[in-house]
Amino acid sequence: MKDDKSRYTLRVAPELLEKLAYIAEYEGRTKNRELEQMIKQRVAAFEREHGTIPTAQEQG
């Protein structure tokens, strides 16, 4: 089955990754899902202030 999600390698300090793991576990999520939630929140905040960000799909 094909996954429709993009993949991205993130380089981050070990201490920061450890803290992310702590937060994710506290919230009952994987580190990946926690990052996804954080990104969604940041995008929503940006779009509230600056307007909708167009995606490649929307552009053509």
C-alpha atoms as a PDB file:
ATOM      1  CA  MET A   1       0.000   0.000   0.000  1.00  0.00           C
ATOM      2  CA  LYS A   2       1.420   3.386  -1.004  1.00  0.00           C
ATOM      3  CA  ASP A   3       1.806   6.001   1.709  1.00  0.00           C
ATOM      4  CA  ASP A   4       0.735   9.507   0.643  1.00  0.00           C
ATOM      5  CA  LYS A   5       2.959  11.212   3.230  1.00  0.00           C
ATOM      6  CA  SER A   6       6.177  13.023   2.379  1.00  0.00           C
ATOM      7  CA  ARG A   7       9.355  12.040   4.148  1.00  0.00           C
ATOM      8  CA  TYR A   8      11.847  14.501   5.577  1.00  0.00           C
ATOM      9  CA  THR A   9      15.055  13.870   7.508  1.00  0.00           C
ATOM     10  CA  LEU A  10      15.489  16.196  10.455  1.00  0.00           C
ATOM     11  CA  ARG A  11      18.879  16.856  12.036  1.00  0.00           C
ATOM     12  CA  VAL A  12      18.507  18.013  15.629  1.00  0.00           C
ATOM     13  CA  ALA A  13      20.558  18.112  18.818  1.00  0.00           C
ATOM     14  CA  PRO A  14      20.161  14.937  20.908  1.00  0.00           C
ATOM     15  CA  GLU A  15      19.017  16.923  23.951  1.00  0.00           C
ATOM     16  CA  LEU A  16      16.240  18.571  21.957  1.00  0.00           C
ATOM     17  CA  LEU A  17      15.109  15.232  20.541  1.00  0.00           C
ATOM     18  CA  GLU A  18      15.049  13.786  24.053  1.00  0.00           C
ATOM     19  CA  LYS A  19      12.833  16.648  25.229  1.00  0.00           C
ATOM     20  CA  LEU A  20      10.551  16.174  22.231  1.00  0.00           C
ATOM     21  CA  ALA A  21      10.252  12.474  23.125  1.00  0.00           C
ATOM     22  CA  TYR A  22       9.271  13.431  26.672  1.00  0.00           C
ATOM     23  CA  ILE A  23       6.555  15.803  25.459  1.00  0.00           C
ATOM     24  CA  ALA A  24       5.281  13.280  22.909  1.00  0.00           C
ATOM     25  CA  GLU A  25       5.047  10.532  25.521  1.00  0.00           C
ATOM     26  CA  TYR A  26       3.265  12.889  27.908  1.00  0.00           C
ATOM     27  CA  GLU A  27       0.722  13.671  25.181  1.00  0.00           C
ATOM     28  CA  GLY A  28       0.351   9.997  24.208  1.00  0.00           C
ATOM     29  CA  ARG A  29       1.875  10.491  20.768  1.00  0.00           C
ATOM     30  CA  THR A  30       4.884   9.363  18.822  1.00  0.00           C
ATOM     31  CA  LYS A  31       7.633  11.907  18.202  1.00  0.00           C
ATOM     32  CA  ASN A  32       6.521  12.043  14.581  1.00  0.00           C
ATOM     33  CA  ARG A  33       2.898  12.786  15.489  1.00  0.00           C
ATOM     34  CA  GLU A  34       3.993  15.370  18.041  1.00  0.00           C
ATOM     35  CA  LEU A  35       6.066  17.141  15.390  1.00  0.00           C
ATOM     36  CA  GLU A  36       3.117  16.990  12.997  1.00  0.00           C
ATOM     37  CA  GLN A  37       0.869  18.634  15.605  1.00  0.00           C
ATOM     38  CA  MET A  38       3.467  21.331  16.285  1.00  0.00           C
ATOM     39  CA  ILE A  39       3.810  22.069  12.561  1.00  0.00           C
ATOM     40  CA  LYS A  40       0.027  22.271  12.136  1.00  0.00           C
ATOM     41  CA  GLN A  41      -0.231  24.720  15.041  1.00  0.00           C
ATOM     42  CA  ARG A  42       2.562  26.893  13.643  1.00  0.00           C
ATOM     43  CA  VAL A  43       1.063  26.927  10.140  1.00  0.00           C
ATOM     44  CA  ALA A  44      -2.363  27.833  11.528  1.00  0.00           C
ATOM     45  CA  ALA A  45      -0.880  30.693  13.575  1.00  0.00           C
ATOM     46  CA  PHE A  46       1.060  31.988  10.568  1.00  0.00           C
ATOM     47  CA  GLU A  47      -2.009  31.824   8.320  1.00  0.00           C
ATOM     48  CA  ARG A  48      -4.144  33.675  10.891  1.00  0.00           C
ATOM     49  CA  GLU A  49      -1.636  36.520  10.819  1.00  0.00           C
ATOM     50  CA  HIS A  50      -0.615  36.524   7.144  1.00  0.00           C
ATOM     51  CA  GLY A  51      -3.359  34.729   5.206  1.00  0.00           C
ATOM     52  CA  THR A  52      -3.564  31.325   3.608  1.00  0.00           C
ATOM     53  CA  ILE A  53      -0.360  29.826   2.293  1.00  0.00           C
ATOM     54  CA  PRO A  54      -0.919  28.425  -1.225  1.00  0.00           C
ATOM     55  CA  THR A  55       0.197  24.834  -1.830  1.00  0.00           C
ATOM     56  CA  ALA A  56       1.638  23.371  -5.028  1.00  0.00           C
ATOM     57  CA  GLN A  57      -1.658  21.504  -5.625  1.00  0.00           C
ATOM     58  CA  GLU A  58      -3.608  24.754  -5.453  1.00  0.00           C
ATOM     59  CA  GLN A  59      -1.245  26.517  -7.823  1.00  0.00           C
ATOM     60  CA  GLY A  60      -1.611  24.111 -10.639  1.00  0.00           C
END
